[in-house]
Protein backbone atom coordinates (compact mmCIF):
# COMPACT_ATOMS: atom_id res chain seq x y z
CA MET A 1 128.93 102.12 136.83
CA THR A 2 127.84 98.55 136.11
CA THR A 3 125.74 97.61 133.09
CA LEU A 4 122.73 97.00 135.33
CA GLN A 5 123.13 100.36 137.04
CA LYS A 6 123.33 102.11 133.67
CA ALA A 7 120.20 100.28 132.44
CA ASN A 8 118.31 101.32 135.54
CA GLU A 9 119.45 104.91 135.09
CA VAL A 10 118.33 104.91 131.44
CA GLU A 11 114.97 103.39 132.35
CA ARG A 12 114.35 106.06 135.00
CA ALA A 13 115.25 108.78 132.51
CA LEU A 14 112.93 107.33 129.86
CA ILE A 15 110.10 107.07 132.40
CA SER A 16 110.57 110.75 133.22
CA ILE A 17 110.09 111.57 129.52
CA VAL A 18 107.19 109.34 128.39
CA GLY A 19 105.79 107.86 131.61
CA GLU A 20 106.12 104.31 132.93
CA ALA A 21 103.08 103.05 131.01
CA ASN A 22 104.75 103.89 127.69
CA ILE A 23 107.92 101.86 128.08
CA LEU A 24 108.28 98.14 127.50
CA CYS A 25 111.25 96.69 129.35
CA PRO A 26 112.28 94.05 128.64
CA ALA A 27 111.12 94.37 125.03
CA PRO A 28 108.75 91.60 123.91
CA GLU A 29 110.05 89.21 121.26
CA ALA A 30 107.62 90.69 118.74
CA TYR A 31 109.72 93.88 118.70
CA ALA A 32 112.96 92.13 117.73
CA ILE A 33 114.68 93.54 114.66
CA ASP A 34 115.92 90.51 112.82
CA ASP A 35 117.22 88.44 115.74
CA ARG A 36 118.11 91.34 118.02
CA ARG A 37 115.75 92.50 120.77
CA PRO A 38 115.98 96.10 121.93
CA SER A 39 116.52 96.86 125.59
CA PHE A 40 113.60 99.30 125.62
CA VAL A 41 110.54 99.96 123.50
CA VAL A 42 109.52 103.60 123.97
CA LEU A 43 106.22 105.11 122.83
CA PRO A 44 106.38 108.92 122.91
CA GLU A 45 103.25 110.96 122.31
CA THR A 46 104.74 114.20 120.97
CA SER A 47 107.67 115.39 118.89
CA GLU A 48 109.06 117.05 122.05
CA GLU A 49 109.20 113.64 123.72
CA VAL A 50 110.90 112.14 120.66
CA ALA A 51 113.53 114.88 120.84
CA ALA A 52 114.04 114.29 124.57
CA VAL A 53 114.53 110.54 124.02
CA LEU A 54 117.12 111.29 121.35
CA ARG A 55 118.96 113.77 123.59
CA LEU A 56 119.20 111.04 126.22
CA ALA A 57 120.36 108.46 123.67
CA HIS A 58 122.93 110.90 122.27
CA ALA A 59 124.33 111.61 125.72
CA GLN A 60 124.41 107.93 126.72
CA ASP A 61 125.55 106.65 123.29
CA LEU A 62 122.48 104.44 122.88
CA ALA A 63 121.38 103.12 119.49
CA VAL A 64 117.83 104.11 118.47
CA VAL A 65 115.72 102.53 115.73
CA PRO A 66 112.45 104.30 114.79
CA MET A 67 109.32 102.29 114.01
CA GLY A 68 105.93 103.17 112.54
CA SER A 69 103.58 100.20 112.32
CA GLY A 70 106.52 97.81 112.15
CA ARG A 71 105.49 96.38 108.77
CA ARG A 72 108.94 97.26 107.28
CA LEU A 73 111.04 96.62 110.35
CA SER A 74 112.88 93.78 108.63
CA PHE A 75 113.91 96.04 105.72
CA GLY A 76 117.65 96.70 106.11
CA ASN A 77 120.90 95.05 107.05
CA LEU A 78 121.35 93.46 110.45
CA PRO A 79 121.56 96.23 113.05
CA GLU A 80 124.91 96.62 114.76
CA ARG A 81 123.05 97.29 118.02
CA VAL A 82 119.56 98.23 119.19
CA ASP A 83 119.12 99.82 122.58
CA ILE A 84 115.87 101.75 122.08
CA LEU A 85 113.08 100.98 119.63
CA LEU A 86 111.13 104.23 119.29
CA SER A 87 107.55 103.65 118.18
CA THR A 88 105.45 106.50 116.76
CA ARG A 89 102.23 104.53 117.41
CA ARG A 90 100.85 107.14 119.84
CA MET A 91 101.70 110.02 117.48
CA ASN A 92 98.70 109.40 115.27
CA ARG A 93 96.90 112.75 115.07
CA ILE A 94 95.80 114.78 112.09
CA LEU A 95 97.29 118.14 113.04
CA GLU A 96 95.90 120.26 110.21
CA TYR A 97 93.70 119.52 107.25
CA GLU A 98 92.74 122.19 104.73
CA PRO A 99 90.48 120.62 102.09
CA ALA A 100 90.25 123.92 100.22
CA ASP A 101 94.04 123.99 99.84
CA LEU A 102 94.41 120.23 99.26
CA THR A 103 96.98 120.02 102.06
CA ALA A 104 97.27 118.14 105.34
CA SER A 105 99.77 117.96 108.19
CA LEU A 106 99.90 114.59 109.96
CA GLU A 107 101.84 113.11 112.83
CA ALA A 108 104.19 110.37 111.74
CA GLY A 109 102.22 107.57 113.36
CA CYS A 110 98.94 108.46 111.66
CA PRO A 111 97.75 105.41 109.68
CA LEU A 112 97.30 106.01 105.96
CA GLU A 113 93.86 104.41 106.06
CA THR A 114 92.74 106.65 108.93
CA PHE A 115 93.56 109.82 107.04
CA ASN A 116 92.02 108.63 103.79
CA ARG A 117 88.78 107.87 105.67
CA VAL A 118 88.74 111.41 107.07
CA ALA A 119 89.42 112.87 103.62
CA LEU A 120 86.77 110.72 101.91
CA PRO A 121 83.82 113.15 102.46
CA TYR A 122 85.90 115.85 100.77
CA ARG A 123 86.65 113.53 97.82
CA GLN A 124 90.38 113.73 98.48
CA TRP A 125 93.10 111.16 99.26
CA LEU A 126 96.74 110.28 99.53
CA PRO A 127 97.24 107.95 96.53
CA PHE A 128 99.77 105.56 98.10
CA ASP A 129 99.58 101.77 97.85
CA PRO A 130 102.78 100.34 99.35
CA PRO A 131 102.90 96.70 100.45
CA ASP A 132 100.67 96.23 103.50
CA ALA A 133 99.03 99.60 102.85
CA ASP A 134 96.32 98.68 105.34
CA ARG A 135 98.94 98.74 108.10
CA ALA A 136 101.10 101.63 106.89
CA THR A 137 101.69 104.87 108.75
CA VAL A 138 102.46 108.08 106.89
CA GLY A 139 105.78 108.44 108.72
CA GLY A 140 106.82 104.95 107.72
CA ILE A 141 105.84 105.61 104.12
CA ALA A 142 107.90 108.82 104.15
CA ALA A 143 110.92 107.25 105.87
CA ALA A 144 111.06 104.45 103.30
CA ASP A 145 109.60 106.42 100.37
CA ASP A 146 107.50 103.31 100.06
CA PHE A 147 105.39 102.86 96.95
CA GLY A 148 103.26 100.37 95.03
CA PRO A 149 101.80 100.14 91.52
CA LEU A 150 100.13 103.59 91.82
CA ARG A 151 103.61 105.07 91.42
CA HIS A 152 102.98 104.74 87.69
CA GLY A 153 100.19 107.32 87.71
CA TYR A 154 100.84 109.36 90.87
CA GLY A 155 104.60 109.26 91.41
CA ARG A 156 106.46 108.37 94.59
CA PRO A 157 105.38 109.54 98.07
CA ARG A 158 108.27 112.03 98.14
CA ASP A 159 106.59 113.84 95.24
CA ALA A 160 103.57 114.52 97.49
CA ILE A 161 105.53 115.63 100.57
CA ILE A 162 105.79 119.40 100.91
CA GLY A 163 107.19 119.60 104.43
CA LEU A 164 108.62 117.60 107.31
CA GLU A 165 109.44 117.96 110.97
CA VAL A 166 112.41 115.87 112.01
CA ALA A 167 114.14 115.17 115.31
CA GLN A 168 117.85 114.87 114.67
CA ALA A 169 120.21 112.46 116.41
CA ASP A 170 121.15 114.98 119.12
CA GLY A 171 117.49 115.86 119.75
CA THR A 172 117.47 119.07 117.74
CA ARG A 173 114.13 119.55 116.00
CA ILE A 174 114.11 121.01 112.51
CA ARG A 175 111.48 121.73 109.91
CA ALA A 176 111.97 121.40 106.17
CA GLY A 177 109.65 122.66 103.47
CA GLY A 178 106.31 124.10 104.50
CA ARG A 179 102.59 123.47 104.81
CA VAL A 180 101.55 124.97 101.50
CA VAL A 181 102.19 123.70 98.00
CA LYS A 182 103.84 126.94 96.86
CA ASN A 183 107.02 126.75 98.89
CA VAL A 184 110.10 127.76 96.95
CA THR A 185 112.64 129.06 99.46
CA GLY A 186 115.77 127.31 100.65
CA TYR A 187 117.11 123.84 99.96
CA ASP A 188 114.72 120.94 99.45
CA LEU A 189 115.68 119.09 102.62
CA ASN A 190 112.57 116.93 102.40
CA LYS A 191 114.24 114.67 99.85
CA LEU A 192 117.23 114.25 102.17
CA PHE A 193 115.14 112.59 104.88
CA VAL A 194 112.53 110.86 102.71
CA GLY A 195 113.86 107.39 101.91
CA SER A 196 116.70 107.58 104.45
CA PHE A 197 115.06 104.88 106.61
CA GLY A 198 115.46 106.88 109.80
CA THR A 199 119.25 106.96 109.61
CA LEU A 200 119.58 110.77 109.41
CA GLY A 201 116.73 111.78 111.73
CA ILE A 202 113.34 110.63 112.98
CA ILE A 203 110.39 112.05 111.05
CA THR A 204 107.73 113.28 113.49
CA ARG A 205 105.39 115.21 111.20
CA VAL A 206 104.66 115.08 107.47
CA ASN A 207 102.91 117.72 105.35
CA PHE A 208 101.29 116.47 102.17
CA LYS A 209 99.64 117.85 99.10
CA LEU A 210 96.55 115.78 98.39
CA ARG A 211 94.90 114.54 95.22
CA PRO A 212 91.22 114.60 94.26
CA LEU A 213 89.63 111.20 94.81
CA PRO A 214 88.74 109.66 91.45
CA GLU A 215 85.05 109.47 90.71
CA ALA A 216 85.23 105.95 89.28
CA GLU A 217 87.65 103.14 88.68
CA ALA A 218 88.00 99.96 86.69
CA THR A 219 90.63 97.28 86.25
CA LEU A 220 91.12 95.10 83.20
CA LEU A 221 92.87 91.76 83.47
CA PHE A 222 94.59 90.71 80.26
CA LEU A 223 95.31 86.97 80.56
CA ASP A 224 97.81 84.93 78.59
CA ALA A 225 100.44 82.23 79.03
CA ALA A 226 103.39 84.28 77.73
CA TRP A 227 105.07 87.32 79.27
CA GLU A 228 105.93 88.63 75.82
CA THR A 229 102.29 88.80 74.69
CA LEU A 230 101.24 90.60 77.86
CA ALA A 231 104.21 92.94 77.56
CA SER A 232 103.08 93.78 74.03
CA GLY A 233 99.75 94.82 75.49
CA ALA A 234 101.53 96.99 78.05
CA ARG A 235 103.64 98.66 75.34
CA GLU A 236 100.55 99.38 73.26
CA ILE A 237 98.88 101.02 76.24
CA LEU A 238 101.96 103.05 77.16
CA GLN A 239 102.27 104.31 73.59
CA SER A 240 98.56 105.18 73.33
CA GLU A 241 96.57 108.15 74.62
CA LEU A 242 95.40 106.02 77.59
CA LEU A 243 96.44 107.14 81.07
CA PRO A 244 96.31 104.17 83.45
CA ALA A 245 97.00 104.82 87.13
CA ALA A 246 98.72 101.43 87.41
CA LEU A 247 100.08 98.74 85.10
CA LEU A 248 101.19 95.45 86.59
CA LEU A 249 102.40 92.13 85.23
CA ALA A 250 101.70 89.20 87.56
CA ASN A 251 102.62 85.52 87.29
CA GLU A 252 100.42 82.52 88.05
CA ALA A 253 101.39 82.38 91.74
CA ALA A 254 100.55 86.07 92.23
CA MET A 255 97.20 85.66 90.46
CA SER A 256 96.22 82.54 92.38
CA PRO A 257 94.86 84.37 95.50
CA LEU A 258 92.73 86.42 93.09
CA GLY A 259 91.14 83.27 91.74
CA HIS A 260 93.00 83.12 88.43
CA GLY A 261 95.69 80.68 87.40
CA GLN A 262 97.25 82.51 84.45
CA LYS A 263 99.80 85.22 83.94
CA ALA A 264 98.12 88.60 83.67
CA LEU A 265 98.55 92.24 82.83
CA LEU A 266 96.45 94.35 85.20
CA VAL A 267 95.48 97.79 83.96
CA ARG A 268 93.86 100.20 86.45
CA PHE A 269 92.00 103.35 85.44
CA LEU A 270 91.10 106.07 87.99
CA GLU A 271 89.25 109.02 86.52
CA THR A 272 85.81 110.51 86.05
CA ALA A 273 83.17 107.94 85.09
CA PRO A 274 83.10 108.97 81.36
CA ALA A 275 86.91 108.97 81.18
CA VAL A 276 87.11 105.51 82.77
CA ALA A 277 84.42 104.18 80.43
CA TYR A 278 86.21 105.56 77.36
CA GLN A 279 89.57 104.14 78.37
CA VAL A 280 88.11 100.75 79.24
CA GLU A 281 86.54 100.46 75.78
CA ARG A 282 89.82 101.46 74.12
CA ALA A 283 91.79 98.96 76.20
CA LYS A 284 89.27 96.19 75.52
CA ALA A 285 89.62 96.80 71.79
CA LEU A 286 93.37 96.54 72.21
CA ALA A 287 93.02 93.23 74.07
CA HIS A 288 90.84 91.83 71.29
CA SER A 289 93.36 92.87 68.65
CA LEU A 290 96.03 90.88 70.53
CA SER A 291 93.65 87.92 71.07
CA LEU A 292 94.03 88.22 74.85
CA GLU A 293 91.51 86.80 77.26
CA LEU A 294 89.91 89.65 79.17
CA ILE A 295 88.21 90.22 82.54
CA GLU A 296 86.72 93.56 83.57
CA LEU A 297 86.38 94.66 87.21
CA GLU A 298 84.54 97.81 88.23
CA ASN A 299 84.78 100.04 91.30
CA GLU A 300 84.64 97.89 94.48
CA ALA A 301 85.81 94.73 92.72
CA SER A 302 88.68 96.71 91.23
CA ARG A 303 89.69 98.20 94.60
CA ALA A 304 89.50 94.82 96.31
CA THR A 305 91.84 93.31 93.71
CA TRP A 306 94.58 95.88 94.32
CA GLU A 307 94.15 95.72 98.08
CA LYS A 308 94.65 91.97 97.94
CA LEU A 309 97.79 92.40 95.82
CA SER A 310 99.11 94.83 98.45
CA ARG A 311 98.83 92.01 101.00
CA LEU A 312 100.20 89.32 98.68
CA HIS A 313 103.13 88.26 100.86
CA ARG A 314 100.66 87.66 103.71
CA LEU A 315 98.53 85.43 101.47
CA ILE A 316 101.46 83.44 100.06
CA PRO A 317 104.09 81.92 102.37
CA THR A 318 107.01 84.33 102.02
CA ASP A 319 110.30 84.74 103.80
CA LEU A 320 112.36 86.28 100.97
CA ARG A 321 111.40 89.36 98.93
CA LEU A 322 113.54 91.15 96.35
CA ARG A 323 113.02 94.34 94.39
CA LEU A 324 114.70 94.89 91.04
CA SER A 325 114.83 98.35 89.51
CA VAL A 326 115.61 98.29 85.80
CA LEU A 327 114.92 100.44 82.78
CA PRO A 328 111.25 100.04 81.81
CA ALA A 329 112.27 98.55 78.45
CA HIS A 330 114.05 95.73 80.32
CA THR A 331 111.11 94.75 82.53
CA VAL A 332 110.28 91.42 80.86
CA GLU A 333 113.93 90.43 80.66
CA ALA A 334 114.21 91.19 84.38
CA LEU A 335 111.26 88.87 85.02
CA HIS A 336 112.99 86.04 83.19
CA THR A 337 116.37 86.53 84.88
CA SER A 338 114.70 86.73 88.30
CA GLU A 339 112.90 83.46 87.69
CA ARG A 340 116.09 81.77 86.55
CA ALA A 341 118.16 83.14 89.43
CA LEU A 342 115.84 82.30 92.30
CA SER A 343 113.37 79.61 91.25
CA GLU A 344 115.86 77.00 92.50
CA TRP A 345 115.60 78.43 96.02
CA LEU A 346 111.99 79.63 96.21
CA ASP A 347 108.90 77.44 96.35
CA LEU A 348 106.25 78.82 93.98
CA PRO A 349 107.75 82.31 93.75
CA TYR A 350 105.40 85.16 92.94
CA LEU A 351 106.41 87.85 90.47
CA LEU A 352 105.00 91.35 90.08
CA ALA A 353 106.41 93.86 87.59
CA GLN A 354 105.53 97.42 86.66
CA PRO A 355 106.31 97.81 82.95
CA GLY A 356 105.88 101.58 83.16
CA THR A 357 108.54 102.07 85.83
CA GLY A 358 110.76 98.98 85.54
CA ILE A 359 110.13 97.82 89.14
CA VAL A 360 110.04 94.03 89.60
CA HIS A 361 109.17 92.24 92.85
CA ILE A 362 109.88 88.57 93.47
CA GLY A 363 109.00 86.75 96.68
CA GLY A 364 108.33 83.34 98.11
CA LYS A 365 109.17 80.74 100.67
CA LEU A 366 112.78 79.58 100.81
CA GLY A 367 112.89 75.96 99.74
CA ILE A 368 116.27 74.96 101.09
CA GLU A 369 117.22 71.70 102.73
CA SER A 370 119.36 73.24 105.44
CA GLU A 371 121.03 76.48 106.50
CA ALA A 372 124.13 75.26 104.70
CA ASP A 373 122.38 76.29 101.47
CA LEU A 374 122.06 79.95 102.54
CA PRO A 375 125.47 81.00 101.14
CA GLN A 376 124.36 79.65 97.74
CA VAL A 377 121.16 81.73 97.94
CA GLY A 378 123.33 84.75 98.70
CA HIS A 379 125.51 83.93 95.67
CA SER A 380 122.41 83.76 93.46
CA ILE A 381 121.35 87.23 94.62
CA THR A 382 124.87 88.54 94.01
CA ASP A 383 124.88 86.99 90.52
CA LEU A 384 121.56 88.66 89.77
CA ARG A 385 123.05 92.00 90.84
CA THR A 386 126.08 91.42 88.64
CA THR A 387 123.84 90.66 85.67
CA TRP A 388 122.09 94.01 85.99
CA ALA A 389 124.84 96.22 87.36
CA THR A 390 126.17 97.15 83.91
CA ARG A 391 122.66 97.91 82.65
CA ARG A 392 121.70 100.47 85.28
CA GLY A 393 119.78 97.87 87.26
CA GLN A 394 119.68 97.49 91.03
CA VAL A 395 118.62 94.61 93.28
CA ILE A 396 117.49 95.24 96.87
CA VAL A 397 116.56 92.54 99.38
CA GLU A 398 113.44 93.88 101.06
CA HIS A 399 112.97 90.95 103.42
CA ALA A 400 115.10 87.94 104.31
CA PRO A 401 115.82 85.72 107.31
CA PRO A 402 118.60 87.12 109.51
CA LYS A 403 120.78 84.11 108.77
CA LEU A 404 120.63 84.89 105.05
CA LYS A 405 121.47 88.55 105.67
CA ARG A 406 124.80 87.39 107.05
CA HIS A 407 125.67 86.26 103.52
CA VAL A 408 124.45 89.21 101.48
CA ASP A 409 124.27 93.01 101.78
CA VAL A 410 120.60 93.77 101.34
CA TRP A 411 121.26 97.09 99.56
CA GLY A 412 124.07 96.10 97.23
CA ASP A 413 126.58 98.51 95.71
CA VAL A 414 125.29 102.10 95.51
CA GLY A 415 128.22 103.21 93.34
CA SER A 416 129.56 106.74 93.22
CA SER A 417 126.92 108.15 95.58
CA LEU A 418 128.40 106.33 98.59
CA PRO A 419 130.95 109.04 99.62
CA LEU A 420 128.16 111.64 99.66
CA MET A 421 125.92 109.36 101.74
CA GLN A 422 128.76 108.71 104.17
CA ALA A 423 129.40 112.44 104.50
CA LEU A 424 125.71 113.09 105.23
CA LYS A 425 125.71 110.41 107.92
CA ARG A 426 128.77 111.97 109.56
CA ALA A 427 127.14 115.41 109.44
CA PHE A 428 123.69 114.43 110.74
CA ASP A 429 124.56 111.53 113.04
CA PRO A 430 128.29 111.66 113.91
CA LYS A 431 127.90 109.23 116.84
CA ARG A 432 125.98 106.73 114.69
CA ILE A 433 123.11 106.24 117.12
CA LEU A 434 120.31 106.13 114.50
CA SER A 435 119.78 102.62 113.11
CA PRO A 436 123.53 101.88 113.02
CA GLY A 437 124.52 99.37 110.37
CA ARG A 438 121.10 99.00 108.76
CA PHE A 439 121.45 101.33 105.75
CA VAL A 440 123.62 101.07 102.63
CA ALA A 441 127.25 100.07 103.15
CA GLY A 442 126.55 99.61 106.87
CA LEU A 443 125.80 103.30 107.52
């Protein structure tokens, strides 16, 4: 059978599963993963259709990459091959919502914002704020275990997931966990699939436990020229009785779209109105004791600030983004080493750091004279990894031009856990049809 004959056969089979209107062939350029365009973009409407597409791909040895909104499609190493890009865009329903139980079951393609609007009258929400939260789907958040500054107060998305439905590489559908919070039987398979970036199975349904929506919120901006002074403020808060939902250090470039030109420590409180008022007064007293300039933002102004930070890389020209994970005590040192390592290659890099969790983000526009400089950028990233490797630090490239990815593994060394991850890949996807090459060590 010729290549063209096989493509025609695959297209006919896909049409029989999802209908002709839900296949894009050839795939538009906008669906390219790095510089590789898939042969087909398929938009199933149900988990049964997802499973059928995977059975076909398994039988025909076709590579499948899942996609939610596409906002994280560039996260990962260069794919070895992409035959089918499977979009969950049409799987956007709220399947069950039990406000009395604080639980919900959502299809993977349901936008986070859509669900939070539905839950608003019940004063409930999913407290996730990953980058581009306004575009995020719940399946994408689960697949990447994607988080933002609210991780400090609410934990990671995986902590809120109580059950999943997954279509495995051979099309077998399985369910892990349950739809109620009190679910204690069996292995916790949820954590196996959450954060696996669609390399072990395609998440089709996610069950969440919800949180009560805070009654009020406020954000304080502590402003100063020195990281160390702001970090002192963060330490004082962390060691006090205050319970911020988010703590974030931001440099001048990150603060510029917010209308401020100084480094800042942002402190966000989400509580009842009296609890927010009490904590704001305590934090303001702390700022005065450290002689820090202070700005207070309430409710809508506070929300708008964090929403803008979530979209920061869309407001600032950015084609390289890194995430450092270090011990919280090393956060400021990580800021300094990141600046030193990458300021030569990035024009006006922005820096965001969570002193409570040790997560540091750096991003910006590559300021190189030619592609011949890309190996040197890769060396700088490798040097940064080496600096932190012995101190339990990790550096991940969240976004980079494809030509730079050829010079650096975006995940870095995962150490002693690699044999286990390789064994899981062999067990769940022995033919390597799910996102081949994109995950750690080319899994």
